[in-house]
Every structure is written in structure tokens, then in C-alpha cells.
Protein backbone atom coordinates (compact mmCIF):
# COMPACT_ATOMS: atom_id res chain seq x y z
CA MET A 1 0.16 -0.04 -0.05
CA THR A 2 1.75 3.01 -1.21
CA SER A 3 0.36 6.63 0.13
CA SER A 4 -0.16 9.70 -2.01
CA PRO A 5 2.68 12.50 -1.63
CA SER A 6 0.01 15.23 -0.45
CA SER A 7 -0.63 12.25 2.67
CA ARG A 8 3.22 12.09 3.21
CA ARG A 9 3.21 15.76 3.33
CA ALA A 10 0.37 16.26 5.81
CA MET A 11 1.87 13.40 8.05
CA LEU A 12 4.93 15.22 8.25
CA ALA A 13 3.22 18.29 8.81
CA THR A 14 1.80 16.89 12.02
CA LEU A 15 5.36 15.66 13.60
CA PRO A 16 6.10 19.40 15.01
CA GLY A 17 2.62 19.06 16.98
CA VAL A 18 3.08 15.33 17.95
CA ALA A 19 6.78 16.38 19.31
CA ILE A 20 5.37 19.25 21.15
CA VAL A 21 2.71 16.59 22.82
CA VAL A 22 5.30 14.45 23.95
CA LEU A 23 7.00 17.00 25.50
CA ALA A 24 4.18 18.19 27.19
CA ILE A 25 3.52 14.78 28.27
CA VAL A 26 6.89 14.60 30.04
CA GLY A 27 6.47 17.97 31.63
CA ILE A 28 2.79 16.64 33.21
CA ARG A 29 5.13 13.48 34.07
CA GLY A 30 7.09 15.32 36.16
CA ALA A 31 4.92 18.10 37.58
CA LEU A 32 2.66 15.19 39.30
CA LEU A 33 6.33 14.06 40.98
CA LEU A 34 6.04 17.64 42.98
CA PRO A 35 3.66 18.91 44.91
CA ILE A 36 0.67 20.61 42.86
CA GLY A 37 -0.92 22.62 45.94
CA ALA A 38 -3.86 24.75 45.11
CA LEU A 39 -4.77 27.67 43.07
CA SER A 40 -5.08 29.48 46.22
CA ALA A 41 -1.77 28.43 47.31
CA PRO A 42 0.35 27.13 44.54
CA ASP A 43 3.25 24.72 45.06
CA ALA A 44 6.34 23.70 43.03
CA GLY A 45 4.41 21.38 40.62
CA PHE A 46 1.34 24.14 39.98
CA VAL A 47 3.15 26.28 37.39
CA PRO A 48 5.14 23.62 35.50
CA LEU A 49 1.81 21.76 35.65
CA VAL A 50 -0.40 24.40 33.95
CA GLU A 51 2.30 25.28 31.09
CA SER A 52 2.87 21.50 30.27
CA LEU A 53 -1.50 21.53 29.97
CA LEU A 54 -0.92 24.53 27.99
CA LEU A 55 1.82 22.79 25.79
CA ALA A 56 -0.30 19.91 25.18
CA ILE A 57 -3.45 22.02 24.14
CA ALA A 58 -0.94 23.99 21.57
CA GLY A 59 0.55 20.67 20.15
CA ALA A 60 -2.78 19.15 19.94
CA ALA A 61 -4.37 22.16 17.90
CA LEU A 62 -1.11 22.07 15.83
CA ILE A 63 -1.69 18.40 14.95
CA VAL A 64 -5.60 18.94 14.31
CA GLN A 65 -4.83 22.37 12.09
CA SER A 66 -2.01 20.47 9.91
CA LEU A 67 -4.51 17.27 9.48
CA ARG A 68 -7.18 19.64 8.25
CA GLY A 69 -4.64 21.27 5.73
CA SER A 70 -5.31 24.62 7.40
CA HIS A 71 -1.87 25.29 6.43
CA VAL A 72 -2.18 25.09 3.03
CA GLY A 73 -2.64 28.40 1.21
CA ALA A 74 -1.96 30.21 4.47
CA PRO A 75 0.67 33.09 3.87
CA ALA A 76 3.60 32.15 6.00
CA PRO A 77 5.38 35.14 8.23
CA GLN A 78 8.40 36.32 6.96
CA PRO A 79 11.02 35.68 9.47
CA ALA A 80 14.37 37.06 9.62
CA ALA A 81 17.49 35.49 8.44
CA PRO A 82 17.72 31.99 10.77
CA ALA A 83 21.33 32.95 11.86
CA ARG A 84 20.31 36.18 12.67
CA SER A 85 17.51 35.42 14.50
CA VAL A 86 19.61 32.70 16.41
CA HIS A 87 22.25 35.68 17.58
CA ALA A 88 19.34 38.33 17.93
CA LEU A 89 17.21 36.08 20.32
CA THR A 90 20.50 34.60 22.49
CA GLY A 91 21.58 38.21 22.78
CA ALA A 92 18.28 39.25 24.11
CA LEU A 93 18.06 36.31 26.87
CA LEU A 94 21.64 37.29 27.98
CA ALA A 95 20.71 40.88 28.30
CA TYR A 96 17.43 39.78 29.94
CA VAL A 97 18.99 37.46 32.66
CA LEU A 98 21.66 40.42 33.25
CA LEU A 99 18.88 43.12 33.41
CA LEU A 100 16.43 41.27 35.65
CA PRO A 101 17.83 42.35 38.84
CA VAL A 102 18.68 45.54 37.79
CA LEU A 103 15.44 46.90 35.67
CA GLY A 104 13.39 43.99 37.73
CA TYR A 105 10.83 41.49 36.10
CA LEU A 106 8.16 44.40 34.52
CA VAL A 107 10.67 46.25 32.29
CA SER A 108 13.11 43.66 31.71
CA THR A 109 10.40 41.67 30.45
CA PHE A 110 9.01 44.08 28.16
CA LEU A 111 12.21 44.67 26.81
CA PHE A 112 12.80 41.27 26.09
CA ALA A 113 9.74 40.09 24.38
CA TRP A 114 9.80 43.49 22.36
CA ALA A 115 13.28 42.00 21.01
CA ALA A 116 11.74 38.50 20.80
CA VAL A 117 8.58 39.68 18.44
CA ALA A 118 10.83 41.92 16.48
CA THR A 119 13.26 39.20 15.71
CA TRP A 120 10.52 36.52 15.06
CA ARG A 121 8.07 38.84 12.84
CA LYS A 122 8.47 42.02 10.85
CA TYR A 123 6.12 44.21 12.77
CA ARG A 124 6.36 47.63 12.98
CA TRP A 125 8.02 49.20 16.10
CA TRP A 126 4.50 49.97 17.83
CA THR A 127 2.76 46.54 17.14
CA ALA A 128 5.84 45.06 18.56
CA ALA A 129 6.20 47.23 21.67
CA GLY A 130 2.19 46.27 22.21
CA TYR A 131 2.66 42.62 22.28
CA ALA A 132 5.55 43.12 24.62
CA LEU A 133 3.54 45.68 26.75
CA ALA A 134 0.53 43.10 26.89
CA LEU A 135 2.96 40.04 27.82
CA SER A 136 4.77 41.71 30.26
CA LEU A 137 2.18 43.46 32.00
CA GLY A 138 -0.40 40.45 31.75
CA THR A 139 2.40 37.98 33.09
CA HIS A 140 3.21 40.16 36.01
CA ILE A 141 -0.34 40.46 36.90
CA LEU A 142 -0.65 36.39 36.73
CA PHE A 143 2.23 36.05 38.67
CA THR A 144 1.78 38.68 40.90
CA ILE A 145 -2.17 39.37 41.76
CA ALA A 146 -3.43 35.77 40.75
CA LEU A 147 -0.76 33.43 42.22
CA ARG A 148 0.61 35.76 44.49
CA MET A 149 4.61 35.42 43.65
CA SER A 150 7.16 37.79 44.32
CA LEU A 151 8.93 38.99 41.53
CA PRO A 152 12.42 40.93 41.03
CA SER A 153 11.52 44.41 41.63
CA GLY A 154 14.91 45.57 40.55
CA TRP A 155 17.21 48.71 42.01
CA TRP A 156 14.88 51.23 41.31
């Protein structure tokens, strides 16, 4: 029994989603080995469990999308040159780690997210800044208010 080239392409298109689901399962298994706690008092395994569950959902969505053929005909985003992207993201991550204790979580995360979004896609600077602002404020609110965690505040 031979399969058509289009069905082979569809199966190959599911591989990233399958890899993400497998990674999520490993994460879920690891998180379940830790104490989970509750929403009002999360313990060490809470955040990894939630992240792994969200990762599994994203991987499943990729699998469904590839099987439905949603990727066909959709315009692909134009990423920056791969080597430039790797270098820029590595530099941004290094700057994030170094600036986090100095500038604090909110400012450092904004700057890192802005650099990452600007590197991944070719958005106008204010669109990338908007995404970065939403991400940094959203995660700050999630961690400080919803989960009552303390984040680095920086020197100032």
C-alpha cells in the first residue's frame, strides 16, 4: 500500500505537533512528581503542570490544523534570516538575565519580549511594543496578583 505525496506531506506536517505533545506529556509527568498545591496556594509543581497542559493543547491544535490542511494556502510569516534570529534572541536572552536584577521583572520582560517579537516577525515597532507590553503586564498580573508570587523589582 503506497500513500500519496500529499498524505505523506500531511503526516510530516503533524510531526511538530506530535513532538510538542510528547514534550508536554514529559512535562506533565515531571510536574506530577512535585507537590501541586492549590490555586490559592500553588506549590512547586503547579506552574509546570499548567504550562505543560497548555503546551499539550497547543500541540494538539497544531496536529488538528495540519490534518485539516489549514496550513495550505495560508501566507507564511516572513521570519528574519535564521542565523540573525538565533544571534538576536541569544543576545536578548543574555541581556534579559543580566538586566532582570537591575531593572526588575516588568521592564526586563517588556524589553526581552519586544526584542523577541521584533526578531521573529517583521512588525512595525509599535506593534511589537504593544505585544511586549501586553505580555509583560499580563504575566506580571498573573504572577503577582493571581498567584501571589514575588517577582524581581530591580534596584529602582
